[in-house]
N, C-alpha and C. Protein backbone atom coordinates (compact mmCIF):
# COMPACT_ATOMS: atom_id res chain seq x y z
N MET A 1 121.61 84.75 5.42
CA MET A 1 120.38 84.34 4.76
C MET A 1 120.65 83.11 3.90
N VAL A 2 119.71 82.17 3.91
CA VAL A 2 119.84 80.99 3.07
C VAL A 2 119.71 81.40 1.62
N ILE A 3 120.62 80.93 0.78
CA ILE A 3 120.66 81.34 -0.61
C ILE A 3 119.79 80.44 -1.46
N PRO A 4 118.69 80.93 -2.04
CA PRO A 4 117.89 80.12 -2.96
C PRO A 4 118.52 80.12 -4.33
N ILE A 5 118.72 78.96 -4.89
CA ILE A 5 119.30 78.85 -6.23
C ILE A 5 118.24 78.24 -7.14
N GLY A 6 117.60 79.09 -7.91
CA GLY A 6 116.51 78.62 -8.76
C GLY A 6 116.97 78.40 -10.18
N GLY A 7 116.08 77.80 -10.97
CA GLY A 7 116.35 77.61 -12.38
C GLY A 7 117.36 76.53 -12.68
N MET A 8 117.65 75.65 -11.73
CA MET A 8 118.64 74.60 -11.96
C MET A 8 118.02 73.26 -11.65
N GLY A 9 117.77 72.46 -12.67
CA GLY A 9 117.27 71.12 -12.47
C GLY A 9 115.80 71.10 -12.08
N VAL A 10 115.37 69.96 -11.56
CA VAL A 10 113.97 69.76 -11.17
C VAL A 10 113.70 70.50 -9.87
N PRO A 11 112.66 71.36 -9.82
CA PRO A 11 112.33 72.05 -8.57
C PRO A 11 111.79 71.05 -7.55
N LEU A 12 112.34 71.09 -6.35
CA LEU A 12 111.94 70.16 -5.30
C LEU A 12 111.36 70.93 -4.13
N MET A 13 110.42 70.31 -3.45
CA MET A 13 109.77 70.96 -2.32
C MET A 13 109.49 69.93 -1.24
N GLY A 14 109.30 70.41 -0.02
CA GLY A 14 108.87 69.56 1.07
C GLY A 14 109.99 68.74 1.69
N PRO A 15 109.65 67.83 2.60
CA PRO A 15 110.64 66.97 3.24
C PRO A 15 111.24 65.98 2.25
N PRO A 16 112.38 65.38 2.57
CA PRO A 16 112.98 64.37 1.69
C PRO A 16 112.06 63.17 1.50
N PRO A 17 111.95 62.64 0.28
CA PRO A 17 111.14 61.44 0.06
C PRO A 17 111.72 60.24 0.80
N ALA A 18 110.88 59.26 1.10
CA ALA A 18 111.32 58.08 1.83
C ALA A 18 112.36 57.28 1.04
N ALA A 19 112.34 57.40 -0.28
CA ALA A 19 113.26 56.61 -1.11
C ALA A 19 114.72 57.00 -0.89
N VAL A 20 114.96 58.23 -0.46
CA VAL A 20 116.34 58.69 -0.26
C VAL A 20 116.63 58.90 1.23
N GLU A 21 115.87 58.23 2.07
CA GLU A 21 116.05 58.41 3.51
C GLU A 21 117.46 58.02 3.95
N ALA A 22 118.00 56.93 3.41
CA ALA A 22 119.34 56.47 3.81
C ALA A 22 120.40 57.52 3.48
N LYS A 23 120.28 58.13 2.30
CA LYS A 23 121.25 59.15 1.90
C LYS A 23 121.13 60.39 2.78
N PHE A 24 119.91 60.75 3.14
CA PHE A 24 119.73 61.94 3.96
C PHE A 24 120.15 61.70 5.40
N LYS A 25 120.17 60.48 5.83
CA LYS A 25 120.72 60.20 7.16
C LYS A 25 122.22 60.48 7.19
N VAL A 26 122.91 60.17 6.08
CA VAL A 26 124.33 60.50 5.98
C VAL A 26 124.51 62.02 5.95
N ILE A 27 123.66 62.71 5.16
CA ILE A 27 123.72 64.17 5.11
C ILE A 27 123.46 64.77 6.49
N LYS A 28 122.55 64.17 7.23
CA LYS A 28 122.25 64.65 8.57
C LYS A 28 123.49 64.62 9.46
N TRP A 29 124.23 63.52 9.41
CA TRP A 29 125.44 63.43 10.24
C TRP A 29 126.52 64.37 9.74
N CYS A 30 126.54 64.63 8.44
CA CYS A 30 127.49 65.62 7.91
C CYS A 30 127.16 67.01 8.45
N ILE A 31 125.88 67.34 8.51
CA ILE A 31 125.48 68.65 9.03
C ILE A 31 125.80 68.75 10.52
N ILE A 32 125.58 67.68 11.26
CA ILE A 32 125.94 67.68 12.68
C ILE A 32 127.45 67.87 12.84
N ALA A 33 128.24 67.20 11.99
CA ALA A 33 129.69 67.36 12.04
C ALA A 33 130.09 68.79 11.70
N MET A 34 129.42 69.41 10.73
CA MET A 34 129.71 70.80 10.37
C MET A 34 129.40 71.74 11.53
N MET A 35 128.30 71.49 12.24
CA MET A 35 127.97 72.30 13.41
C MET A 35 129.04 72.16 14.49
N ALA A 36 129.45 70.91 14.74
CA ALA A 36 130.47 70.66 15.76
C ALA A 36 131.80 71.30 15.39
N CYS A 37 132.18 71.21 14.11
CA CYS A 37 133.44 71.80 13.66
C CYS A 37 133.41 73.32 13.73
N THR A 38 132.27 73.90 13.44
CA THR A 38 132.13 75.35 13.55
C THR A 38 132.35 75.79 15.00
N ILE A 39 131.70 75.11 15.92
CA ILE A 39 131.86 75.44 17.34
C ILE A 39 133.30 75.23 17.77
N GLY A 40 133.91 74.15 17.30
CA GLY A 40 135.30 73.86 17.66
C GLY A 40 136.26 74.92 17.14
N GLN A 41 136.06 75.38 15.91
CA GLN A 41 136.93 76.42 15.36
C GLN A 41 136.79 77.73 16.13
N LEU A 42 135.57 78.10 16.47
CA LEU A 42 135.36 79.32 17.24
C LEU A 42 135.95 79.19 18.64
N PHE A 43 135.85 78.01 19.23
CA PHE A 43 136.42 77.77 20.56
C PHE A 43 137.94 77.91 20.51
N CYS A 44 138.56 77.36 19.48
CA CYS A 44 140.01 77.49 19.32
C CYS A 44 140.41 78.95 19.13
N GLY A 45 139.62 79.67 18.34
CA GLY A 45 139.89 81.09 18.15
C GLY A 45 139.82 81.86 19.44
N ALA A 46 138.84 81.52 20.30
CA ALA A 46 138.72 82.19 21.59
C ALA A 46 139.92 81.88 22.49
N LEU A 47 140.37 80.63 22.48
CA LEU A 47 141.52 80.26 23.30
C LEU A 47 142.80 80.95 22.83
N MET A 48 142.90 81.21 21.53
CA MET A 48 144.10 81.86 21.00
C MET A 48 143.97 83.38 20.98
N GLY A 49 142.85 83.89 21.47
CA GLY A 49 142.64 85.34 21.48
C GLY A 49 142.38 85.92 20.11
N ALA A 50 141.85 85.12 19.21
CA ALA A 50 141.57 85.57 17.84
C ALA A 50 140.17 85.15 17.44
N LEU A 51 139.19 85.42 18.30
CA LEU A 51 137.82 84.98 18.05
C LEU A 51 137.23 85.64 16.81
N VAL A 52 137.46 86.95 16.65
CA VAL A 52 136.90 87.66 15.50
C VAL A 52 137.47 87.11 14.20
N GLN A 53 138.78 86.90 14.16
CA GLN A 53 139.40 86.35 12.96
C GLN A 53 138.91 84.94 12.68
N SER A 54 138.73 84.16 13.72
CA SER A 54 138.20 82.80 13.56
C SER A 54 136.78 82.83 13.03
N LEU A 55 135.99 83.80 13.51
CA LEU A 55 134.61 83.94 13.04
C LEU A 55 134.58 84.30 11.55
N LEU A 56 135.46 85.22 11.15
CA LEU A 56 135.52 85.61 9.74
C LEU A 56 135.96 84.44 8.86
N ASN A 57 136.91 83.65 9.36
CA ASN A 57 137.39 82.51 8.59
C ASN A 57 136.33 81.41 8.47
N SER A 58 135.37 81.41 9.38
CA SER A 58 134.36 80.34 9.41
C SER A 58 133.04 80.75 8.78
N LEU A 59 132.98 81.93 8.17
CA LEU A 59 131.70 82.43 7.65
C LEU A 59 131.10 81.50 6.60
N ASN A 60 131.93 81.00 5.68
CA ASN A 60 131.42 80.10 4.64
C ASN A 60 130.89 78.80 5.26
N LEU A 61 131.62 78.28 6.23
CA LEU A 61 131.17 77.05 6.90
C LEU A 61 129.87 77.30 7.66
N ILE A 62 129.76 78.46 8.29
CA ILE A 62 128.54 78.80 9.02
C ILE A 62 127.36 78.89 8.06
N LEU A 63 127.57 79.56 6.92
CA LEU A 63 126.50 79.67 5.92
C LEU A 63 126.06 78.30 5.42
N ASN A 64 127.02 77.44 5.09
CA ASN A 64 126.69 76.11 4.60
C ASN A 64 125.95 75.30 5.66
N THR A 65 126.34 75.48 6.91
CA THR A 65 125.67 74.76 8.00
C THR A 65 124.23 75.23 8.15
N VAL A 66 124.00 76.53 8.04
CA VAL A 66 122.64 77.06 8.13
C VAL A 66 121.78 76.53 6.98
N ILE A 67 122.35 76.49 5.77
CA ILE A 67 121.60 75.92 4.64
C ILE A 67 121.25 74.46 4.92
N GLY A 68 122.20 73.71 5.50
CA GLY A 68 121.94 72.32 5.85
C GLY A 68 120.84 72.18 6.88
N ILE A 69 120.81 73.09 7.84
CA ILE A 69 119.75 73.06 8.86
C ILE A 69 118.40 73.32 8.22
N TRP A 70 118.35 74.27 7.29
CA TRP A 70 117.08 74.54 6.59
C TRP A 70 116.68 73.36 5.71
N LEU A 71 117.68 72.69 5.13
CA LEU A 71 117.41 71.52 4.30
C LEU A 71 116.73 70.42 5.11
N LEU A 72 117.18 70.21 6.35
CA LEU A 72 116.65 69.14 7.19
C LEU A 72 115.81 69.70 8.34
N LYS A 73 115.07 70.73 8.07
CA LYS A 73 114.24 71.33 9.14
C LYS A 73 113.14 70.38 9.60
N ASP A 74 112.80 69.38 8.78
CA ASP A 74 111.76 68.42 9.15
C ASP A 74 112.30 67.25 9.96
N ASP A 75 113.62 67.20 10.15
CA ASP A 75 114.21 66.14 10.96
C ASP A 75 113.95 66.41 12.44
N PRO A 76 113.62 65.38 13.23
CA PRO A 76 113.32 65.61 14.66
C PRO A 76 114.46 66.27 15.43
N LEU A 77 115.71 65.95 15.09
CA LEU A 77 116.85 66.53 15.81
C LEU A 77 117.25 67.89 15.23
N ILE A 78 117.52 67.94 13.93
CA ILE A 78 117.91 69.19 13.29
C ILE A 78 116.78 70.22 13.39
N GLY A 79 115.53 69.73 13.43
CA GLY A 79 114.39 70.63 13.54
C GLY A 79 114.40 71.45 14.80
N ARG A 80 115.00 70.93 15.87
CA ARG A 80 115.12 71.71 17.12
C ARG A 80 116.03 72.92 16.91
N VAL A 81 117.13 72.70 16.19
CA VAL A 81 118.04 73.81 15.89
C VAL A 81 117.35 74.81 14.96
N TYR A 82 116.64 74.27 13.96
CA TYR A 82 115.91 75.14 13.03
C TYR A 82 114.89 76.00 13.78
N ALA A 83 114.13 75.39 14.68
CA ALA A 83 113.10 76.13 15.41
C ALA A 83 113.73 77.25 16.24
N PHE A 84 114.89 76.97 16.86
CA PHE A 84 115.57 78.00 17.66
C PHE A 84 116.04 79.15 16.77
N LEU A 85 116.68 78.83 15.64
CA LEU A 85 117.18 79.87 14.75
C LEU A 85 116.03 80.66 14.12
N ALA A 86 114.93 79.96 13.80
CA ALA A 86 113.81 80.62 13.13
C ALA A 86 113.13 81.64 14.03
N ARG A 87 113.18 81.43 15.34
CA ARG A 87 112.53 82.39 16.24
C ARG A 87 113.51 83.39 16.85
N THR A 88 114.79 83.31 16.44
CA THR A 88 115.78 84.25 16.98
C THR A 88 116.47 85.00 15.84
N CYS A 89 117.74 84.65 15.61
CA CYS A 89 118.56 85.45 14.68
C CYS A 89 118.25 85.21 13.22
N CYS A 90 117.61 84.13 12.86
CA CYS A 90 117.36 83.81 11.45
C CYS A 90 115.88 83.88 11.10
N GLY A 91 115.13 84.71 11.82
CA GLY A 91 113.71 84.86 11.54
C GLY A 91 113.40 85.25 10.09
N PRO A 92 114.12 86.25 9.52
CA PRO A 92 113.86 86.62 8.12
C PRO A 92 114.11 85.48 7.14
N CYS A 93 115.11 84.62 7.45
CA CYS A 93 115.37 83.47 6.56
C CYS A 93 114.19 82.51 6.57
N ALA A 94 113.61 82.29 7.75
CA ALA A 94 112.48 81.37 7.85
C ALA A 94 111.27 81.91 7.10
N GLU A 95 111.14 83.25 7.04
CA GLU A 95 110.00 83.84 6.34
C GLU A 95 110.18 83.79 4.83
N GLN A 96 111.42 83.89 4.36
CA GLN A 96 111.67 83.97 2.92
C GLN A 96 111.95 82.61 2.28
N CYS A 97 112.45 81.66 3.05
CA CYS A 97 112.81 80.35 2.50
C CYS A 97 112.02 79.26 3.20
N GLN A 98 111.31 78.44 2.43
CA GLN A 98 110.49 77.40 3.01
C GLN A 98 111.29 76.19 3.49
N GLY A 99 112.56 76.11 3.08
CA GLY A 99 113.42 75.02 3.54
C GLY A 99 113.07 73.70 2.88
N GLY A 100 113.54 72.61 3.48
CA GLY A 100 113.29 71.30 2.92
C GLY A 100 114.08 71.07 1.65
N MET A 101 113.51 70.30 0.73
CA MET A 101 114.21 69.90 -0.49
C MET A 101 114.54 71.08 -1.40
N SER A 102 113.88 72.22 -1.21
CA SER A 102 114.18 73.39 -2.04
C SER A 102 115.58 73.92 -1.76
N CYS A 103 116.19 73.52 -0.65
CA CYS A 103 117.54 73.97 -0.29
C CYS A 103 118.61 72.96 -0.70
N LEU A 104 118.23 71.85 -1.34
CA LEU A 104 119.19 70.80 -1.62
C LEU A 104 120.29 71.27 -2.57
N MET A 105 119.93 71.88 -3.70
CA MET A 105 120.94 72.33 -4.65
C MET A 105 121.81 73.43 -4.06
N SER A 106 121.21 74.31 -3.25
CA SER A 106 122.01 75.35 -2.58
C SER A 106 123.04 74.71 -1.66
N PHE A 107 122.65 73.68 -0.94
CA PHE A 107 123.55 72.98 -0.04
C PHE A 107 124.71 72.34 -0.81
N ILE A 108 124.39 71.70 -1.92
CA ILE A 108 125.42 71.03 -2.71
C ILE A 108 126.40 72.05 -3.30
N ILE A 109 125.87 73.06 -3.96
CA ILE A 109 126.71 74.02 -4.68
C ILE A 109 127.58 74.83 -3.71
N CYS A 110 126.99 75.31 -2.63
CA CYS A 110 127.76 76.12 -1.68
C CYS A 110 128.86 75.31 -1.01
N ASN A 111 128.60 74.06 -0.71
CA ASN A 111 129.64 73.21 -0.12
C ASN A 111 130.79 72.97 -1.11
N VAL A 112 130.43 72.69 -2.36
CA VAL A 112 131.47 72.45 -3.37
C VAL A 112 132.33 73.69 -3.57
N ILE A 113 131.70 74.85 -3.67
CA ILE A 113 132.44 76.09 -3.85
C ILE A 113 133.36 76.36 -2.67
N THR A 114 132.86 76.15 -1.45
CA THR A 114 133.66 76.40 -0.25
C THR A 114 134.88 75.48 -0.20
N VAL A 115 134.68 74.20 -0.51
CA VAL A 115 135.80 73.25 -0.48
C VAL A 115 136.83 73.59 -1.55
N LEU A 116 136.37 73.89 -2.77
CA LEU A 116 137.30 74.23 -3.85
C LEU A 116 138.09 75.49 -3.54
N LEU A 117 137.41 76.51 -3.05
CA LEU A 117 138.10 77.75 -2.70
C LEU A 117 139.08 77.53 -1.55
N GLY A 118 138.67 76.70 -0.59
CA GLY A 118 139.55 76.42 0.54
C GLY A 118 140.82 75.70 0.12
N ILE A 119 140.69 74.77 -0.82
CA ILE A 119 141.86 74.00 -1.26
C ILE A 119 142.72 74.79 -2.23
N LEU A 120 142.07 75.47 -3.19
CA LEU A 120 142.82 76.13 -4.26
C LEU A 120 143.37 77.50 -3.84
N LEU A 121 142.59 78.27 -3.08
CA LEU A 121 142.99 79.64 -2.74
C LEU A 121 143.52 79.79 -1.32
N ASP A 122 142.85 79.15 -0.37
CA ASP A 122 143.25 79.31 1.03
C ASP A 122 144.31 78.32 1.47
N GLY A 123 144.62 77.33 0.64
CA GLY A 123 145.63 76.35 1.00
C GLY A 123 145.27 75.52 2.22
N SER A 124 144.03 75.03 2.26
CA SER A 124 143.57 74.27 3.44
C SER A 124 144.40 73.01 3.68
N ILE A 125 144.78 72.32 2.61
CA ILE A 125 145.56 71.09 2.78
C ILE A 125 146.93 71.42 3.37
N GLN A 126 147.58 72.46 2.83
CA GLN A 126 148.88 72.86 3.37
C GLN A 126 148.76 73.32 4.82
N TYR A 127 147.64 73.99 5.12
CA TYR A 127 147.39 74.46 6.48
C TYR A 127 147.26 73.28 7.45
N ILE A 128 146.55 72.25 7.02
CA ILE A 128 146.38 71.06 7.86
C ILE A 128 147.72 70.38 8.11
N ILE A 129 148.52 70.24 7.04
CA ILE A 129 149.83 69.59 7.18
C ILE A 129 150.75 70.39 8.09
N ALA A 130 150.76 71.72 7.91
CA ALA A 130 151.61 72.58 8.73
C ALA A 130 151.20 72.52 10.20
N ASN A 131 149.89 72.55 10.46
CA ASN A 131 149.42 72.48 11.85
C ASN A 131 149.76 71.13 12.49
N PHE A 132 149.71 70.08 11.69
CA PHE A 132 150.05 68.75 12.21
C PHE A 132 151.51 68.70 12.63
N LYS A 133 152.38 69.28 11.82
CA LYS A 133 153.80 69.30 12.17
C LYS A 133 154.06 70.14 13.42
N VAL A 134 153.39 71.29 13.52
CA VAL A 134 153.55 72.14 14.70
C VAL A 134 153.02 71.44 15.94
N MET A 135 151.90 70.72 15.79
CA MET A 135 151.31 70.01 16.94
C MET A 135 152.29 68.97 17.48
N LEU A 136 152.98 68.27 16.59
CA LEU A 136 153.93 67.24 17.03
C LEU A 136 155.10 67.84 17.80
N ASN A 137 155.41 69.11 17.52
CA ASN A 137 156.54 69.76 18.18
C ASN A 137 156.12 70.71 19.30
N ALA A 138 154.83 70.65 19.67
CA ALA A 138 154.35 71.55 20.73
C ALA A 138 155.03 71.23 22.06
N VAL A 139 155.36 72.29 22.80
CA VAL A 139 156.12 72.10 24.05
C VAL A 139 155.23 71.99 25.27
N ASP A 140 153.95 72.37 25.18
CA ASP A 140 153.06 72.27 26.33
C ASP A 140 151.72 71.68 25.89
N PHE A 141 150.99 71.18 26.87
CA PHE A 141 149.74 70.48 26.59
C PHE A 141 148.69 71.41 25.99
N GLU A 142 148.58 72.63 26.51
CA GLU A 142 147.54 73.55 26.03
C GLU A 142 147.72 73.85 24.54
N SER A 143 148.94 74.15 24.13
CA SER A 143 149.20 74.44 22.72
C SER A 143 148.92 73.23 21.85
N ALA A 144 149.34 72.05 22.33
CA ALA A 144 149.10 70.83 21.57
C ALA A 144 147.60 70.54 21.44
N PHE A 145 146.85 70.78 22.52
CA PHE A 145 145.40 70.54 22.49
C PHE A 145 144.70 71.47 21.51
N ILE A 146 145.06 72.77 21.55
CA ILE A 146 144.44 73.74 20.65
C ILE A 146 144.72 73.38 19.20
N LEU A 147 145.98 73.05 18.90
CA LEU A 147 146.34 72.69 17.53
C LEU A 147 145.67 71.40 17.10
N TRP A 148 145.56 70.44 18.02
CA TRP A 148 144.88 69.18 17.69
C TRP A 148 143.41 69.42 17.40
N LEU A 149 142.74 70.22 18.24
CA LEU A 149 141.32 70.50 18.02
C LEU A 149 141.11 71.28 16.73
N LEU A 150 141.98 72.24 16.47
CA LEU A 150 141.87 73.00 15.23
C LEU A 150 142.09 72.12 14.01
N LEU A 151 143.03 71.20 14.13
CA LEU A 151 143.30 70.27 13.04
C LEU A 151 142.10 69.36 12.79
N VAL A 152 141.52 68.84 13.85
CA VAL A 152 140.36 67.95 13.73
C VAL A 152 139.17 68.70 13.12
N CYS A 153 138.93 69.92 13.58
CA CYS A 153 137.78 70.69 13.09
C CYS A 153 137.96 71.10 11.64
N THR A 154 139.17 71.52 11.26
CA THR A 154 139.42 71.92 9.88
C THR A 154 139.26 70.73 8.93
N THR A 155 139.88 69.60 9.31
CA THR A 155 139.77 68.40 8.48
C THR A 155 138.34 67.88 8.46
N GLY A 156 137.71 67.84 9.62
CA GLY A 156 136.35 67.33 9.72
C GLY A 156 135.36 68.15 8.91
N SER A 157 135.51 69.48 8.92
CA SER A 157 134.59 70.32 8.16
C SER A 157 134.73 70.08 6.65
N LEU A 158 135.98 69.92 6.18
CA LEU A 158 136.19 69.65 4.76
C LEU A 158 135.58 68.31 4.36
N VAL A 159 135.84 67.29 5.17
CA VAL A 159 135.31 65.95 4.87
C VAL A 159 133.78 65.96 4.90
N ALA A 160 133.20 66.61 5.91
CA ALA A 160 131.74 66.65 6.04
C ALA A 160 131.10 67.36 4.85
N GLN A 161 131.71 68.45 4.38
CA GLN A 161 131.16 69.17 3.24
C GLN A 161 131.28 68.36 1.95
N VAL A 162 132.40 67.67 1.79
CA VAL A 162 132.57 66.84 0.58
C VAL A 162 131.56 65.69 0.59
N VAL A 163 131.48 64.96 1.70
CA VAL A 163 130.56 63.82 1.78
C VAL A 163 129.11 64.29 1.67
N GLY A 164 128.78 65.40 2.34
CA GLY A 164 127.42 65.93 2.26
C GLY A 164 127.04 66.31 0.84
N SER A 165 127.99 66.91 0.11
CA SER A 165 127.73 67.29 -1.28
C SER A 165 127.52 66.06 -2.16
N LEU A 166 128.37 65.04 -1.98
CA LEU A 166 128.24 63.83 -2.78
C LEU A 166 126.90 63.14 -2.55
N TYR A 167 126.55 62.94 -1.28
CA TYR A 167 125.29 62.27 -0.99
C TYR A 167 124.09 63.14 -1.37
N GLY A 168 124.26 64.45 -1.26
CA GLY A 168 123.20 65.34 -1.71
C GLY A 168 122.97 65.23 -3.21
N TRP A 169 124.05 65.15 -3.98
CA TRP A 169 123.93 65.02 -5.43
C TRP A 169 123.34 63.68 -5.81
N TRP A 170 123.77 62.62 -5.13
CA TRP A 170 123.20 61.29 -5.42
C TRP A 170 121.72 61.25 -5.08
N ALA A 171 121.34 61.88 -3.98
CA ALA A 171 119.92 61.93 -3.61
C ALA A 171 119.13 62.75 -4.62
N TYR A 172 119.70 63.85 -5.07
CA TYR A 172 119.02 64.69 -6.07
C TYR A 172 118.80 63.91 -7.36
N LYS A 173 119.82 63.20 -7.83
CA LYS A 173 119.68 62.43 -9.07
C LYS A 173 118.62 61.35 -8.92
N GLU A 174 118.58 60.71 -7.75
CA GLU A 174 117.59 59.64 -7.55
C GLU A 174 116.18 60.22 -7.54
N VAL A 175 115.99 61.34 -6.86
CA VAL A 175 114.67 61.97 -6.83
C VAL A 175 114.28 62.47 -8.22
N ARG A 176 115.25 63.06 -8.92
CA ARG A 176 114.99 63.55 -10.28
C ARG A 176 114.57 62.42 -11.20
N ASP A 177 115.26 61.28 -11.12
CA ASP A 177 114.93 60.15 -11.99
C ASP A 177 113.57 59.56 -11.66
N MET A 178 113.16 59.67 -10.38
CA MET A 178 111.84 59.18 -9.99
C MET A 178 110.75 60.14 -10.41
N GLY A 179 111.11 61.39 -10.71
CA GLY A 179 110.12 62.39 -11.08
C GLY A 179 109.35 62.94 -9.91
N VAL A 180 109.91 62.82 -8.69
CA VAL A 180 109.24 63.32 -7.49
C VAL A 180 109.65 64.76 -7.29
N THR A 181 108.68 65.66 -7.07
CA THR A 181 108.99 67.06 -6.79
C THR A 181 108.58 67.47 -5.38
N GLN A 182 107.66 66.76 -4.76
CA GLN A 182 107.23 67.10 -3.41
C GLN A 182 106.77 65.83 -2.71
N SER A 183 107.39 65.52 -1.59
CA SER A 183 107.06 64.28 -0.90
C SER A 183 107.59 64.34 0.51
N GLY A 184 107.42 63.25 1.21
CA GLY A 184 107.93 63.12 2.56
C GLY A 184 107.73 61.68 2.98
N GLY A 185 108.51 61.24 3.96
CA GLY A 185 108.35 59.88 4.40
C GLY A 185 109.44 59.50 5.35
N GLY A 186 109.36 58.27 5.85
CA GLY A 186 110.39 57.82 6.76
C GLY A 186 110.47 58.70 7.99
N GLU A 187 111.67 59.12 8.31
CA GLU A 187 111.90 59.92 9.51
C GLU A 187 111.28 61.30 9.41
N TRP A 188 110.95 61.74 8.18
CA TRP A 188 110.42 63.09 7.98
C TRP A 188 108.96 63.05 7.55
N SER A 189 108.27 61.96 7.83
CA SER A 189 106.90 61.81 7.35
C SER A 189 105.94 62.77 8.03
N SER A 190 106.32 63.31 9.20
CA SER A 190 105.43 64.24 9.89
C SER A 190 105.32 65.56 9.16
N GLY A 191 106.32 65.84 8.27
CA GLY A 191 106.23 67.06 7.48
C GLY A 191 106.77 68.28 8.17
N GLY A 192 107.40 68.15 9.31
CA GLY A 192 107.99 69.33 9.95
C GLY A 192 108.14 69.14 11.43
N TYR A 193 109.07 69.89 12.00
CA TYR A 193 109.26 69.82 13.45
C TYR A 193 108.11 70.55 14.13
N PRO A 194 107.45 69.95 15.11
CA PRO A 194 106.21 70.52 15.68
C PRO A 194 106.36 71.96 16.15
N GLN A 195 107.45 72.32 16.83
CA GLN A 195 107.59 73.68 17.35
C GLN A 195 107.67 74.69 16.22
N ALA A 196 108.37 74.32 15.14
CA ALA A 196 108.47 75.23 14.00
C ALA A 196 107.11 75.40 13.33
N GLU A 197 106.36 74.30 13.21
CA GLU A 197 105.04 74.37 12.61
C GLU A 197 104.09 75.21 13.46
N ALA A 198 104.21 75.05 14.79
CA ALA A 198 103.35 75.80 15.69
C ALA A 198 103.62 77.30 15.56
N ARG A 199 104.87 77.66 15.40
CA ARG A 199 105.23 79.07 15.24
C ARG A 199 104.63 79.63 13.97
N GLU A 200 104.74 78.89 12.86
CA GLU A 200 104.18 79.35 11.61
C GLU A 200 102.66 79.47 11.69
N ALA A 201 102.03 78.53 12.40
CA ALA A 201 100.58 78.56 12.54
C ALA A 201 100.14 79.77 13.36
N ARG A 202 100.91 80.10 14.41
CA ARG A 202 100.56 81.26 15.24
C ARG A 202 100.67 82.55 14.44
N GLU A 203 101.68 82.63 13.56
CA GLU A 203 101.86 83.83 12.77
C GLU A 203 100.75 83.98 11.73
N ALA A 204 100.26 82.84 11.22
CA ALA A 204 99.22 82.89 10.20
C ALA A 204 97.83 83.11 10.80
N ARG A 205 97.64 82.78 12.11
CA ARG A 205 96.34 82.88 12.74
C ARG A 205 96.05 84.31 13.15
N PRO A 206 94.85 84.86 12.91
CA PRO A 206 94.54 86.23 13.33
C PRO A 206 94.50 86.36 14.84
N ALA A 207 94.64 87.55 15.32
CA ALA A 207 94.66 87.78 16.77
C ALA A 207 93.33 87.36 17.38
N ALA A 208 93.39 87.01 18.69
CA ALA A 208 92.20 86.47 19.35
C ALA A 208 91.09 87.50 19.46
N ASN A 209 91.45 88.79 19.61
CA ASN A 209 90.43 89.82 19.79
C ASN A 209 90.02 90.47 18.48
N PHE A 210 90.44 89.88 17.36
CA PHE A 210 90.09 90.43 16.04
C PHE A 210 88.62 90.17 15.74
N GLN A 211 87.94 91.19 15.26
CA GLN A 211 86.53 91.05 14.87
C GLN A 211 86.35 91.62 13.48
N ALA A 212 85.66 90.88 12.69
CA ALA A 212 85.39 91.37 11.33
C ALA A 212 84.50 92.59 11.37
N PHE A 213 84.62 93.47 10.40
CA PHE A 213 83.80 94.68 10.34
C PHE A 213 82.35 94.31 10.19
N GLN A 214 81.54 94.87 11.07
CA GLN A 214 80.12 94.51 11.08
C GLN A 214 79.21 95.73 10.88
N GLY A 215 79.73 96.78 10.29
CA GLY A 215 78.93 97.98 10.09
C GLY A 215 77.83 97.75 9.07
N SER A 216 76.88 98.66 9.09
CA SER A 216 75.74 98.51 8.19
C SER A 216 76.02 99.05 6.81
N GLY A 217 77.07 99.93 6.69
CA GLY A 217 77.40 100.46 5.38
C GLY A 217 76.40 101.51 4.93
N ASN A 218 76.53 101.95 3.69
CA ASN A 218 75.63 102.96 3.14
C ASN A 218 74.38 102.31 2.56
N ARG A 219 73.26 102.89 2.83
CA ARG A 219 72.01 102.34 2.32
C ARG A 219 71.27 103.40 1.51
């Protein structure tokens, strides 16, 4: 479930304002990189016969990626992923969280916490260095490929989360200083991905055979 973090700073709603479009384009590529790294880590886990362990190790990254998808649900590309998740495994999240700019602080804070915990407690930097040394000494192509892909995905996910958090914070400060709480523009001026909007409209619309009560009542 996407984590709403309320009571912190200026409440924001809706798609990103046009003034921070450039920053959100960087965040968009960070989210795409996080999705790719998640898939890569799970793929490596499957090749090594440790898919469950790889899934458990990637839970924080998966959560942060989902928050990022909800943050950019109005983007034409990310909106396709949002629409798929909203009508399948993440339906309750779509009902409880409106997404958009309301997820910005959640995205920033969760990414920062994940990176700090990964570096300070899980030893991510030492893990990357150790895997790099093992990769250089690999005796066969398959082992070298798995280690290389795991190295790229681990490093890429950390970099994407750090960059995404930085640009998210800079975008938040710019919107806060402008005093904007709800807006949209640029690439997100449509206000939402059409398929996601259509789904919400269908849920809000009464059934076709519904008829209002037409009894005469007591007289």
